[in-house]
Protein backbone atom coordinates (compact mmCIF):
# COMPACT_ATOMS: atom_id res chain seq x y z
CA UNK A 1 0.00 0.00 0.00
CA UNK A 2 2.89 2.42 0.66
CA UNK A 3 3.81 2.69 -3.02
CA UNK A 4 0.20 3.48 -3.92
CA UNK A 5 0.01 6.09 -1.15
CA UNK A 6 3.29 7.64 -2.24
CA UNK A 7 2.15 7.81 -5.85
CA UNK A 8 -1.09 9.54 -4.82
CA UNK A 9 0.76 12.06 -2.64
CA UNK A 10 3.14 12.79 -5.51
CA UNK A 11 0.24 13.23 -7.97
CA UNK A 12 -1.60 15.65 -5.70
CA UNK A 13 1.62 17.56 -4.98
CA UNK A 14 2.13 17.98 -8.72
CA UNK A 15 -1.50 18.96 -9.27
CA UNK A 16 -1.25 21.61 -6.54
CA UNK A 17 2.14 22.80 -7.85
CA UNK A 18 3.62 22.15 -4.42
CA UNK A 19 7.03 20.76 -3.55
CA UNK A 20 7.84 18.11 -0.98
CA UNK A 21 9.60 20.81 1.01
CA UNK A 22 6.50 23.03 1.04
CA UNK A 23 4.35 20.12 2.18
CA UNK A 24 6.84 19.26 4.91
CA UNK A 25 6.86 22.86 6.16
CA UNK A 26 3.05 23.00 6.24
CA UNK A 27 2.78 19.94 8.46
CA UNK A 28 5.96 20.47 10.52
CA UNK A 29 7.94 17.51 9.20
CA UNK A 30 11.23 17.27 7.37
CA UNK A 31 11.47 16.97 3.62
CA UNK A 32 13.30 13.65 4.14
CA UNK A 33 10.29 12.16 5.96
CA UNK A 34 7.94 13.25 3.16
CA UNK A 35 10.34 11.73 0.64
CA UNK A 36 10.24 8.41 2.53
CA UNK A 37 6.42 8.43 2.48
CA UNK A 38 6.44 9.07 -1.27
CA UNK A 39 9.04 6.40 -1.98
CA UNK A 40 7.11 3.88 0.13
CA UNK A 41 9.98 3.36 2.56
CA UNK A 42 7.80 4.55 5.42
CA UNK A 43 4.06 4.79 6.18
CA UNK A 44 2.64 7.81 7.98
CA UNK A 45 0.67 7.38 11.20
CA UNK A 46 -3.06 8.12 10.77
CA UNK A 47 -2.80 11.62 12.27
CA UNK A 48 0.11 12.49 9.96
CA UNK A 49 -1.82 11.14 6.97
CA UNK A 50 -4.76 13.37 7.95
CA UNK A 51 -2.41 16.37 8.14
CA UNK A 52 -0.98 15.55 4.71
CA UNK A 53 -4.47 15.27 3.24
CA UNK A 54 -5.51 18.59 4.76
CA UNK A 55 -2.37 20.34 3.49
CA UNK A 56 -3.02 18.92 0.01
CA UNK A 57 -6.73 19.82 0.09
CA UNK A 58 -7.82 16.23 -0.31
CA UNK A 59 -8.89 13.34 1.91
CA UNK A 60 -7.04 10.48 3.54
CA UNK A 61 -9.42 8.12 1.72
CA UNK A 62 -8.31 9.50 -1.64
CA UNK A 63 -4.61 9.23 -0.74
CA UNK A 64 -5.11 5.64 0.45
CA UNK A 65 -6.98 4.70 -2.74
CA UNK A 66 -10.22 3.97 -0.86
CA UNK A 67 -11.95 6.75 -2.75
CA UNK A 68 -11.01 7.16 -6.39
CA UNK A 69 -13.06 10.20 -7.37
CA UNK A 70 -11.32 13.24 -5.98
CA UNK A 71 -14.34 15.42 -6.75
CA UNK A 72 -17.22 13.39 -5.34
CA UNK A 73 -19.89 15.22 -3.33
CA UNK A 74 -18.85 13.54 -0.09
CA UNK A 75 -15.25 14.53 -0.78
CA UNK A 76 -16.18 18.16 -1.37
CA UNK A 77 -18.27 18.28 1.81
CA UNK A 78 -15.38 16.86 3.86
CA UNK A 79 -12.95 19.35 2.31
CA UNK A 80 -15.18 22.32 3.11
CA UNK A 81 -15.75 21.10 6.66
CA UNK A 82 -12.05 20.42 7.22
CA UNK A 83 -10.90 23.77 5.85
CA UNK A 84 -13.71 26.08 6.99
CA UNK A 85 -11.89 27.15 10.14
CA UNK A 86 -9.06 28.63 8.09
CA UNK A 87 -11.36 30.51 5.71
CA UNK A 88 -11.75 34.26 5.94
CA UNK A 89 -15.24 35.73 6.36
CA UNK A 90 -15.09 36.88 2.72
CA UNK A 91 -14.19 33.36 1.53
CA UNK A 92 -17.05 31.91 3.58
CA UNK A 93 -19.45 34.46 2.07
CA UNK A 94 -18.32 33.57 -1.48
CA UNK A 95 -18.70 29.87 -0.71
CA UNK A 96 -22.23 30.33 0.61
CA UNK A 97 -23.14 32.43 -2.42
CA UNK A 98 -21.73 29.75 -4.74
CA UNK A 99 -23.62 26.99 -2.93
CA UNK A 100 -26.88 28.94 -3.06
CA UNK A 101 -26.41 29.86 -6.71
CA UNK A 102 -26.16 33.59 -6.04
CA UNK A 103 -23.74 35.70 -8.01
């Protein structure tokens, strides 16, 4: 499973135009540890995996290959819920307007 997890992390890093170093800094780990996760030499503990998923704006289920559709409704709901505390009031207002179909 580690190779699959590492491949998914690498894909999402690329998609987000983020480096391993940037990811490591966001979750307070070293770049070497992130590299080991990506190479499959090491598996992250569940709480670290959750932090990686949050930093990459995805879910642990997607990174683990449990969920294959990165844009499913349940995925989007979890992302909004997970990231809502870091949103500014203006971002929250725009999100509510988008959800309600108001422009």
